[in-house]
Protein backbone atom coordinates (compact mmCIF):
# COMPACT_ATOMS: atom_id res chain seq x y z
CA MET A 1 79.61 42.98 79.11
CA ILE A 2 78.21 40.73 76.20
CA THR A 3 76.29 37.68 77.40
CA PRO A 4 77.71 34.63 75.70
CA ILE A 5 75.00 32.53 74.16
CA VAL A 6 77.29 29.46 74.52
CA GLN A 7 79.84 28.79 77.28
CA VAL A 8 81.78 25.35 77.30
CA ASP A 9 83.88 24.30 80.04
CA LYS A 10 86.58 21.67 80.17
CA LEU A 11 84.37 19.52 77.62
CA THR A 12 85.75 16.03 77.00
CA ARG A 13 84.43 13.41 74.61
CA HIS A 14 85.42 10.03 74.40
CA TYR A 15 84.97 7.21 71.78
CA ARG A 16 86.61 4.10 73.20
CA ASP A 17 90.30 4.73 72.91
CA VAL A 18 89.97 8.07 70.94
CA ARG A 19 89.87 11.35 72.83
CA ALA A 20 87.56 13.37 70.05
CA LEU A 21 87.34 16.41 72.29
CA ASP A 22 90.13 17.17 74.94
CA GLY A 23 89.24 19.86 77.58
CA VAL A 24 87.94 22.13 75.26
CA SER A 25 86.61 25.54 76.78
CA LEU A 26 85.10 28.55 74.61
CA THR A 27 82.33 31.08 74.57
CA LEU A 28 80.31 32.03 71.56
CA GLU A 29 78.93 35.76 71.49
CA PRO A 30 75.42 36.71 70.32
CA ASP A 31 75.44 38.06 66.50
CA LYS A 32 78.93 37.12 65.08
CA ILE A 33 79.82 34.68 62.33
CA TYR A 34 82.21 32.26 63.54
CA GLY A 35 84.59 30.07 61.77
CA LEU A 36 85.14 26.40 63.26
CA LEU A 37 88.26 25.14 61.44
CA GLY A 38 90.45 22.43 61.38
CA ARG A 39 91.33 18.97 59.46
CA ASN A 40 88.80 16.37 59.30
CA GLY A 41 88.61 14.53 62.85
CA ALA A 42 89.95 17.25 64.66
CA GLY A 43 86.59 17.43 66.41
CA LYS A 44 84.64 19.99 65.06
CA THR A 45 81.54 17.75 64.25
CA THR A 46 81.78 16.38 67.57
CA LEU A 47 81.67 19.56 69.13
CA MET A 48 78.47 20.87 67.19
CA SER A 49 76.75 17.69 68.04
CA ILE A 50 77.03 18.26 71.77
CA LEU A 51 76.29 21.92 71.53
CA THR A 52 73.01 21.10 69.69
CA ALA A 53 72.23 17.89 71.61
CA GLN A 54 72.77 15.38 69.36
CA GLY A 55 75.49 13.82 71.07
CA PHE A 56 76.84 13.45 74.83
CA ALA A 57 80.05 14.83 76.57
CA SER A 58 82.07 12.66 78.56
CA SER A 59 82.68 15.23 81.11
CA GLY A 60 82.50 19.22 81.42
CA ASP A 61 79.86 21.55 81.07
CA VAL A 62 77.69 22.81 78.44
CA ARG A 63 75.35 26.13 78.40
CA VAL A 64 73.31 27.56 75.64
CA PHE A 65 71.26 30.67 76.26
CA GLY A 66 72.29 29.87 79.82
CA GLU A 67 70.93 26.48 79.86
CA HIS A 68 71.95 22.73 79.27
CA PRO A 69 70.54 21.79 75.78
CA TRP A 70 69.82 18.26 76.36
CA GLU A 71 65.92 17.46 75.90
CA ASN A 72 65.51 21.25 76.39
CA GLU A 73 63.00 22.14 73.90
CA LYS A 74 63.11 25.89 74.93
CA VAL A 75 66.90 26.05 74.12
CA LEU A 76 66.60 23.63 70.82
CA SER A 77 64.10 25.69 69.32
CA ARG A 78 66.46 28.59 69.01
CA ILE A 79 69.01 26.40 67.23
CA CYS A 80 69.61 25.18 63.71
CA PHE A 81 72.10 22.64 62.75
CA ILE A 82 72.62 21.81 59.21
CA ARG A 83 75.07 18.79 58.62
CA GLU A 84 76.72 17.94 55.02
CA SER A 85 75.26 14.49 55.45
CA GLN A 86 71.74 15.55 56.30
CA LYS A 87 69.20 13.18 56.37
CA TYR A 88 65.32 13.31 55.47
CA PRO A 89 62.40 10.97 55.25
CA ASP A 90 62.62 9.05 52.36
CA ASP A 91 59.17 10.24 50.89
CA PHE A 92 59.97 13.79 51.25
CA LYS A 93 60.19 16.25 48.76
CA PRO A 94 61.87 19.50 49.48
CA ILE A 95 58.47 21.32 50.14
CA HIS A 96 57.89 19.01 52.74
CA ALA A 97 61.21 19.62 54.39
CA PHE A 98 60.43 23.35 54.31
CA LYS A 99 57.01 22.73 55.79
CA ALA A 100 58.50 20.62 58.62
CA ALA A 101 61.33 23.49 59.30
CA ALA A 102 58.35 26.01 59.29
CA LEU A 103 56.60 24.31 62.23
CA PHE A 104 59.77 24.17 64.38
CA PHE A 105 61.73 27.42 63.69
CA ARG A 106 59.71 30.42 65.03
CA ASN A 107 61.59 32.66 62.99
CA TRP A 108 61.01 30.90 59.73
CA ASP A 109 60.74 32.88 56.52
CA GLN A 110 59.05 31.06 53.96
CA ASP A 111 59.12 33.44 51.25
CA MET A 112 62.78 33.41 51.71
CA ALA A 113 62.99 29.72 51.27
CA MET A 114 60.88 29.81 48.49
CA GLN A 115 63.25 32.57 46.65
CA LEU A 116 66.10 30.65 47.70
CA ALA A 117 64.88 27.60 45.76
CA GLU A 118 64.34 29.67 42.83
CA ASP A 119 67.72 30.59 43.23
CA PHE A 120 69.26 27.29 43.64
CA GLN A 121 66.98 25.74 40.73
CA LEU A 122 66.02 23.26 43.33
CA PRO A 123 63.04 21.12 41.95
CA MET A 124 60.54 21.33 44.80
CA LYS A 125 58.31 18.59 43.56
CA ARG A 126 61.11 15.47 43.19
CA ARG A 127 61.56 13.17 46.10
CA ILE A 128 64.61 14.13 48.04
CA LYS A 129 66.12 10.59 47.59
CA LYS A 130 66.34 11.52 43.54
CA LEU A 131 68.09 14.48 44.23
CA SER A 132 71.81 15.11 42.92
CA ARG A 133 74.26 15.79 45.91
CA GLY A 134 74.30 19.30 44.94
CA GLN A 135 70.35 19.81 45.07
CA LEU A 136 70.52 17.93 48.83
CA SER A 137 73.00 20.33 49.76
CA ALA A 138 70.85 23.39 48.46
CA VAL A 139 68.05 21.95 50.72
CA GLY A 140 70.12 21.78 53.58
CA VAL A 141 71.74 25.49 53.20
CA ILE A 142 68.04 26.80 52.44
CA ILE A 143 66.81 25.44 55.61
CA GLY A 144 69.67 27.06 57.40
CA LEU A 145 69.13 30.36 55.95
CA ALA A 146 65.49 30.56 56.25
CA SER A 147 65.23 29.48 59.68
CA ARG A 148 66.98 32.75 60.91
CA ALA A 149 67.63 30.50 64.14
CA GLU A 150 69.36 32.60 66.59
CA LEU A 151 72.17 29.88 66.79
CA THR A 152 72.73 28.51 63.56
CA PHE A 153 75.35 25.78 62.66
CA PHE A 154 76.61 24.66 59.08
CA ASP A 155 78.60 21.45 59.12
CA GLU A 156 80.07 21.76 55.85
CA PRO A 157 76.59 21.39 53.83
CA TYR A 158 77.62 23.55 50.86
CA LEU A 159 80.01 21.21 49.62
CA GLY A 160 78.31 19.61 47.31
CA LEU A 161 77.56 22.71 45.67
CA ASP A 162 79.50 24.08 42.88
CA ALA A 163 81.36 27.01 43.17
CA VAL A 164 78.60 29.53 41.64
CA ALA A 165 76.12 28.04 44.04
CA ARG A 166 78.50 28.30 46.89
CA GLN A 167 79.13 31.82 46.22
CA LEU A 168 75.38 32.21 45.98
CA PHE A 169 75.16 30.81 49.36
CA TYR A 170 77.80 33.14 50.71
CA ASP A 171 76.15 36.11 49.49
CA ARG A 172 72.78 35.10 50.73
CA LEU A 173 74.07 34.24 54.12
CA LEU A 174 75.92 37.96 54.38
CA ALA A 175 72.71 40.09 52.96
CA ASP A 176 70.24 38.02 55.38
CA TYR A 177 73.13 38.38 58.33
CA ALA A 178 73.03 42.35 57.79
CA GLU A 179 69.24 42.54 58.16
CA PHE A 180 68.68 39.83 60.63
CA PRO A 181 71.92 39.51 62.87
CA ARG A 182 72.60 35.93 64.64
CA THR A 183 75.13 33.93 65.72
CA ILE A 184 76.38 31.70 62.69
CA VAL A 185 78.79 28.83 63.06
CA LEU A 186 80.68 27.73 59.63
CA SER A 187 82.61 24.60 60.02
CA SER A 188 84.61 24.15 56.47
CA HIS A 189 88.01 23.36 55.13
CA LEU A 190 87.05 25.71 52.10
CA ILE A 191 89.04 28.32 54.12
CA ASP A 192 90.06 30.82 51.79
CA GLU A 193 86.41 30.84 50.37
CA VAL A 194 84.61 31.95 53.92
CA ALA A 195 87.59 33.93 55.35
CA ASN A 196 86.57 37.49 54.85
CA MET A 197 82.85 36.52 56.05
CA LEU A 198 84.41 35.15 59.49
CA GLU A 199 84.40 37.56 62.71
CA HIS A 200 85.89 35.18 64.86
CA VAL A 201 88.24 32.12 64.34
CA ILE A 202 88.22 28.97 66.19
CA ILE A 203 91.17 26.17 65.13
CA ILE A 204 90.82 22.75 66.80
CA ASP A 205 92.87 19.90 66.07
CA LYS A 206 93.24 16.58 67.66
CA GLY A 207 90.37 17.81 70.02
CA LYS A 208 92.19 20.97 71.34
CA ILE A 209 91.51 24.47 70.70
CA LEU A 210 94.71 25.63 69.11
CA LEU A 211 93.53 29.10 68.45
CA ASP A 212 90.23 31.36 69.61
CA GLU A 213 90.51 34.81 68.27
CA ASP A 214 88.90 37.76 66.53
CA ALA A 215 89.82 37.32 62.51
CA GLU A 216 90.82 40.81 62.49
CA ALA A 217 93.72 40.17 64.94
CA ILE A 218 94.65 36.94 63.02
CA ARG A 219 95.10 38.94 60.12
CA GLY A 220 98.66 39.81 59.22
CA THR A 221 99.92 37.77 62.22
CA ALA A 222 102.02 35.52 59.85
CA PHE A 223 104.31 36.10 56.84
CA THR A 224 106.55 34.03 54.72
CA LEU A 225 109.69 35.09 54.29
CA ALA A 226 111.91 33.41 51.21
CA GLY A 227 115.57 33.96 49.71
CA THR A 228 119.01 32.66 50.33
CA ARG A 229 119.19 30.64 53.53
CA ALA A 230 121.57 32.67 55.51
CA ARG A 231 119.76 35.87 55.02
CA VAL A 232 116.51 34.45 55.53
CA GLU A 233 117.81 32.67 59.00
CA GLY A 234 119.55 35.62 60.10
CA PHE A 235 116.76 37.99 59.56
CA ALA A 236 114.16 35.50 61.02
CA ALA A 237 116.50 34.84 64.39
CA GLY A 238 114.31 34.79 67.72
CA ARG A 239 111.01 34.43 65.67
CA THR A 240 108.51 31.49 65.84
CA VAL A 241 108.88 29.34 62.66
CA LEU A 242 105.46 27.54 62.01
CA HIS A 243 106.98 25.95 58.62
CA ARG A 244 110.19 25.50 56.64
CA GLU A 245 110.87 24.52 52.92
CA GLY A 246 114.17 24.48 51.51
CA ILE A 247 116.30 23.46 48.31
CA GLY A 248 119.69 23.83 47.99
CA SER A 249 120.74 27.39 49.08
CA LEU A 250 117.30 28.62 48.99
CA VAL A 251 114.42 28.75 52.13
CA SER A 252 111.28 29.78 52.64
CA LEU A 253 110.03 30.13 56.27
CA THR A 254 106.73 30.83 57.75
CA LEU A 255 106.96 33.30 60.66
CA GLU A 256 104.70 33.90 63.32
CA GLY A 257 104.17 37.81 64.13
CA ALA A 258 104.06 40.80 62.18
CA LEU A 259 106.82 43.14 60.55
CA SER A 260 106.94 46.55 61.48
CA PRO A 261 107.79 48.98 58.66
CA GLY A 262 111.27 49.15 59.53
CA GLU A 263 111.65 45.52 59.58
CA ARG A 264 109.88 45.64 56.07
CA ARG A 265 112.46 47.73 54.54
CA GLU A 266 115.50 45.56 56.15
CA ALA A 267 113.99 42.63 54.37
CA GLN A 268 113.67 44.40 51.23
CA GLU A 269 117.23 45.72 51.37
CA LEU A 270 118.34 42.05 51.96
CA GLY A 271 116.56 41.14 49.13
CA LEU A 272 114.09 39.03 50.59
CA GLU A 273 110.46 38.46 49.71
CA VAL A 274 107.81 38.93 52.07
CA VAL A 275 104.27 37.46 51.39
CA PRO A 276 101.26 37.75 53.41
CA VAL A 277 99.98 34.00 54.69
CA SER A 278 96.26 33.73 53.90
CA LEU A 279 93.92 32.05 56.63
CA GLN A 280 94.03 28.96 54.98
CA GLN A 281 97.82 28.74 55.19
CA PHE A 282 97.72 29.98 58.63
CA VAL A 283 95.23 27.39 59.63
CA ILE A 284 97.33 24.46 57.58
CA ARG A 285 100.55 25.57 59.26
CA LYS A 286 98.99 25.77 62.75
CA THR A 287 97.85 22.18 62.52
CA LEU A 288 99.93 20.31 60.09
CA ASP A 289 102.99 21.53 61.23
CA ALA A 290 102.12 21.81 65.04
CA GLY A 291 104.96 20.10 67.07
CA ALA A 292 107.06 19.05 63.84
CA ASP A 293 110.86 19.51 63.88
CA LEU A 294 111.29 22.64 61.64
CA SER A 295 114.93 22.20 61.50
CA GLY A 296 114.97 19.24 59.22
CA ASP A 297 116.43 19.17 55.41
CA ALA A 298 115.02 20.03 52.42
CA ASP A 299 113.67 16.30 51.69
CA GLY A 300 111.65 16.49 55.02
CA ALA A 301 110.20 20.39 54.21
CA GLY A 302 109.17 19.00 50.55
CA ALA A 303 107.38 15.97 51.99
CA ALA A 304 105.49 18.58 54.54
CA ALA A 305 104.68 20.98 51.68
CA GLU A 306 103.44 18.25 49.67
CA THR A 307 101.23 16.95 52.59
CA SER A 308 100.12 20.66 53.03
CA THR A 309 98.86 20.86 49.50
CA ARG A 310 96.66 17.65 49.93
CA MET A 311 95.11 18.89 52.94
CA GLY A 312 94.06 22.02 51.08
CA ALA A 313 92.19 20.04 48.69
CA THR A 314 90.33 17.44 51.26
CA ARG A 315 87.96 17.98 54.12
């Protein structure tokens, strides 16, 4: 039996009238890459802050490496938490940030940090407050990777990187993870970019866990069916509808579940189009359309689709 390195039980966090976390329970196992996915304000950063002792829980229990993390140096020295808005002293240069990290993280790899700085073309002697957003993001991801902490959280620090630099980050992360396995949690709204890296997916929305499942088990568990309204709705009868769009006599349904080979043949014979749903679209449908009335008309469906598109482009 695998011993979890993180155990969370019925965790809640209140901010005045806002319930940021609502009875969250989950476990994180050693040597896995997790995706913590959800909309902005869903509770992702609050959860990570509590796990890394940078925030308080209102109620519930948190154990990291079997102990409470708050003011626990033995636990915190094994954790690295990199935020999008990571702060550094004003007079620091990247080299100072790396030297400070070397003092804190016992698995720190200085050679790796310097190589990554070269790969990201990071000006090592420029003050951090003078760096561009992309360069500041590079400082964060370099520390996250070179720390080789047993439990590493990346709270979207790579958003400031351009597409080429983000791919460099993903490549270096996977290569180093293969050689030095540890538990890595990626919080991201660029879901399609990180989807193939994830071994386990946790979807959080409005402070609650909507899904906590191995990534392989999720793939193929939803599909979009498109065609004439009568045939699509007849074929979809009895299935869970995650999303509906329609114009005139045509309709498109996102359905939960997988199709058997026989069902695929039947859909083809009916002239229906079957399209796999990406992980990003699956997350959007699970969160944006959760609890929505899926029996509305085309105008309502179009508004939902427009909002879905906006979500894919914003944090």
